[in-house]
C-alpha atoms as a PDB file:
ATOM      1  CA  MET A   1      -0.216  -0.007  -0.001  1.00  0.00           C
ATOM      2  CA  SER A   2       1.361   3.343  -1.018  1.00  0.00           C
ATOM      3  CA  TRP A   3       1.549   6.902   0.605  1.00  0.00           C
ATOM      4  CA  SER A   4       0.132  10.235  -0.602  1.00  0.00           C
ATOM      5  CA  LEU A   5       2.442  12.796  -0.344  1.00  0.00           C
ATOM      6  CA  VAL A   6       0.671  16.271  -0.202  1.00  0.00           C
ATOM      7  CA  PHE A   7       2.862  18.927  -1.235  1.00  0.00           C
ATOM      8  CA  THR A   8       1.404  22.895   0.057  1.00  0.00           C
ATOM      9  CA  GLU A   9       2.822  26.028  -2.736  1.00  0.00           C
ATOM     10  CA  ARG A  10       5.240  26.712   0.832  1.00  0.00           C
ATOM     11  CA  TYR A  11       7.084  23.611   0.729  1.00  0.00           C
ATOM     12  CA  ASN A  12       7.284  24.160  -3.375  1.00  0.00           C
ATOM     13  CA  ARG A  13       8.836  26.694  -3.548  1.00  0.00           C
ATOM     14  CA  ARG A  14      10.614  25.804  -0.666  1.00  0.00           C
ATOM     15  CA  ALA A  15      11.789  23.022  -3.012  1.00  0.00           C
ATOM     16  CA  ALA A  16      12.509  24.774  -6.083  1.00  0.00           C
ATOM     17  CA  ARG A  17      14.828  27.152  -4.379  1.00  0.00           C
ATOM     18  CA  PHE A  18      16.942  24.703  -2.784  1.00  0.00           C
ATOM     19  CA  LEU A  19      16.745  22.337  -5.746  1.00  0.00           C
ATOM     20  CA  ARG A  20      18.266  25.393  -8.175  1.00  0.00           C
ATOM     21  CA  ARG A  21      20.964  26.010  -5.217  1.00  0.00           C
ATOM     22  CA  HIS A  22      21.719  21.814  -5.297  1.00  0.00           C
ATOM     23  CA  PRO A  23      21.182  20.761  -9.137  1.00  0.00           C
ATOM     24  CA  ASP A  24      23.512  17.625  -8.000  1.00  0.00           C
ATOM     25  CA  LEU A  25      20.534  16.215  -5.597  1.00  0.00           C
ATOM     26  CA  ARG A  26      18.530  15.870  -7.968  1.00  0.00           C
ATOM     27  CA  GLN A  27      18.605  12.699  -8.292  1.00  0.00           C
ATOM     28  CA  ALA A  28      19.003  11.645  -4.592  1.00  0.00           C
ATOM     29  CA  TYR A  29      15.909  14.181  -3.901  1.00  0.00           C
ATOM     30  CA  ARG A  30      13.284  12.163  -6.411  1.00  0.00           C
ATOM     31  CA  LYS A  31      14.885   9.135  -4.610  1.00  0.00           C
ATOM     32  CA  THR A  32      14.029  10.229  -1.235  1.00  0.00           C
ATOM     33  CA  LEU A  33      10.382  11.458  -2.497  1.00  0.00           C
ATOM     34  CA  LEU A  34       9.536   7.619  -4.320  1.00  0.00           C
ATOM     35  CA  LEU A  35      10.317   6.164  -0.782  1.00  0.00           C
ATOM     36  CA  LEU A  36       8.265   8.394   1.265  1.00  0.00           C
ATOM     37  CA  GLU A  37       5.575   7.315  -1.611  1.00  0.00           C
ATOM     38  CA  ALA A  38       6.207   3.719  -0.960  1.00  0.00           C
ATOM     39  CA  ASN A  39       7.293   2.769   2.509  1.00  0.00           C
ATOM     40  CA  PRO A  40       8.111   6.531   4.698  1.00  0.00           C
ATOM     41  CA  HIS A  41       9.840   3.664   7.218  1.00  0.00           C
ATOM     42  CA  HIS A  42      12.523   2.729   4.696  1.00  0.00           C
ATOM     43  CA  PRO A  43      15.748   2.307   6.162  1.00  0.00           C
ATOM     44  CA  SER A  44      17.670   4.678   4.467  1.00  0.00           C
ATOM     45  CA  LEU A  45      15.162   7.461   5.080  1.00  0.00           C
ATOM     46  CA  ARG A  46      16.181   7.351   8.612  1.00  0.00           C
ATOM     47  CA  LEU A  47      12.824   8.348   9.465  1.00  0.00           C
ATOM     48  CA  HIS A  48      12.341   9.782  13.209  1.00  0.00           C
ATOM     49  CA  PRO A  49      10.803  11.728  15.656  1.00  0.00           C
ATOM     50  CA  LEU A  50      10.990  15.434  16.037  1.00  0.00           C
ATOM     51  CA  ARG A  51      11.334  16.599  19.684  1.00  0.00           C
ATOM     52  CA  GLY A  52      10.868  20.345  21.067  1.00  0.00           C
ATOM     53  CA  ARG A  53       9.760  23.187  19.177  1.00  0.00           C
ATOM     54  CA  LEU A  54       8.788  20.856  16.263  1.00  0.00           C
ATOM     55  CA  GLN A  55       7.271  17.902  18.494  1.00  0.00           C
ATOM     56  CA  GLY A  56       4.731  16.348  16.206  1.00  0.00           C
ATOM     57  CA  MET A  57       7.374  16.001  12.772  1.00  0.00           C
ATOM     58  CA  HIS A  58       9.093  13.352  11.669  1.00  0.00           C
ATOM     59  CA  SER A  59      12.328  14.025   9.386  1.00  0.00           C
ATOM     60  CA  VAL A  60      13.964  12.237   7.081  1.00  0.00           C
ATOM     61  CA  SER A  61      17.559  12.379   5.500  1.00  0.00           C
ATOM     62  CA  ILE A  62      18.141  12.696   1.838  1.00  0.00           C
ATOM     63  CA  ASN A  63      21.794  12.242   2.451  1.00  0.00           C
ATOM     64  CA  LEU A  64      24.053  12.882   5.073  1.00  0.00           C
ATOM     65  CA  SER A  65      23.684  16.459   5.295  1.00  0.00           C
ATOM     66  CA  TYR A  66      20.151  17.256   3.530  1.00  0.00           C
ATOM     67  CA  ARG A  67      16.969  16.285   5.638  1.00  0.00           C
ATOM     68  CA  ILE A  68      13.398  17.415   4.470  1.00  0.00           C
ATOM     69  CA  THR A  69      11.121  17.980   7.711  1.00  0.00           C
ATOM     70  CA  LEU A  70       6.632  15.865   8.073  1.00  0.00           C
ATOM     71  CA  GLU A  71       3.853  15.683   8.659  1.00  0.00           C
ATOM     72  CA  LEU A  72       3.409  12.462   8.436  1.00  0.00           C
ATOM     73  CA  LEU A  73      -0.397  11.533   9.500  1.00  0.00           C
ATOM     74  CA  ILE A  74      -0.179   7.626   9.773  1.00  0.00           C
ATOM     75  CA  GLU A  75      -3.904   7.702   9.532  1.00  0.00           C
ATOM     76  CA  GLY A  76      -4.716   8.499   6.232  1.00  0.00           C
ATOM     77  CA  GLN A  77      -0.927   7.292   5.397  1.00  0.00           C
ATOM     78  CA  THR A  78      -0.174  10.263   4.595  1.00  0.00           C
ATOM     79  CA  VAL A  79       2.758  12.512   4.391  1.00  0.00           C
ATOM     80  CA  ILE A  80       2.990  16.392   4.276  1.00  0.00           C
ATOM     81  CA  PRO A  81       6.837  17.810   3.369  1.00  0.00           C
ATOM     82  CA  ILE A  82       7.067  20.876   5.601  1.00  0.00           C
ATOM     83  CA  ASP A  83      10.891  21.757   5.397  1.00  0.00           C
ATOM     84  CA  ILE A  84      13.478  20.867   2.749  1.00  0.00           C
ATOM     85  CA  GLY A  85      17.178  21.461   3.624  1.00  0.00           C
ATOM     86  CA  ASP A  86      20.536  21.007   6.004  1.00  0.00           C
ATOM     87  CA  HIS A  87      20.171  19.943   9.493  1.00  0.00           C
ATOM     88  CA  ASP A  88      20.639  23.752  10.897  1.00  0.00           C
ATOM     89  CA  VAL A  89      17.645  25.369   8.275  1.00  0.00           C
ATOM     90  CA  VAL A  90      15.179  22.502   8.962  1.00  0.00           C
ATOM     91  CA  TYR A  91      15.882  21.947  12.529  1.00  0.00           C
ATOM     92  CA  ARG A  92      15.033  25.620  13.466  1.00  0.00           C
ATOM     93  CA  ALA A  93      11.455  26.399  12.590  1.00  0.00           C
END
């Protein structure tokens, strides 16, 4: 059973800006989205819940340096990407 990815306008703008700055990560980003859709719990995504101000959200890895924060709605099997960037950028919210 696959999951639904729901992209907000805000996230789309952030992702476009991220990919303009890091065109070399386009393929890794695409692979991350495909894995999220197929199975957000895939080990290579390193899915983990966030704490503190970001409690209730999760994070997955694009690679060792870059992350995507997301809202994971288990009941509806929906994944809503929130932010994309390096560790300091996505965890500042």
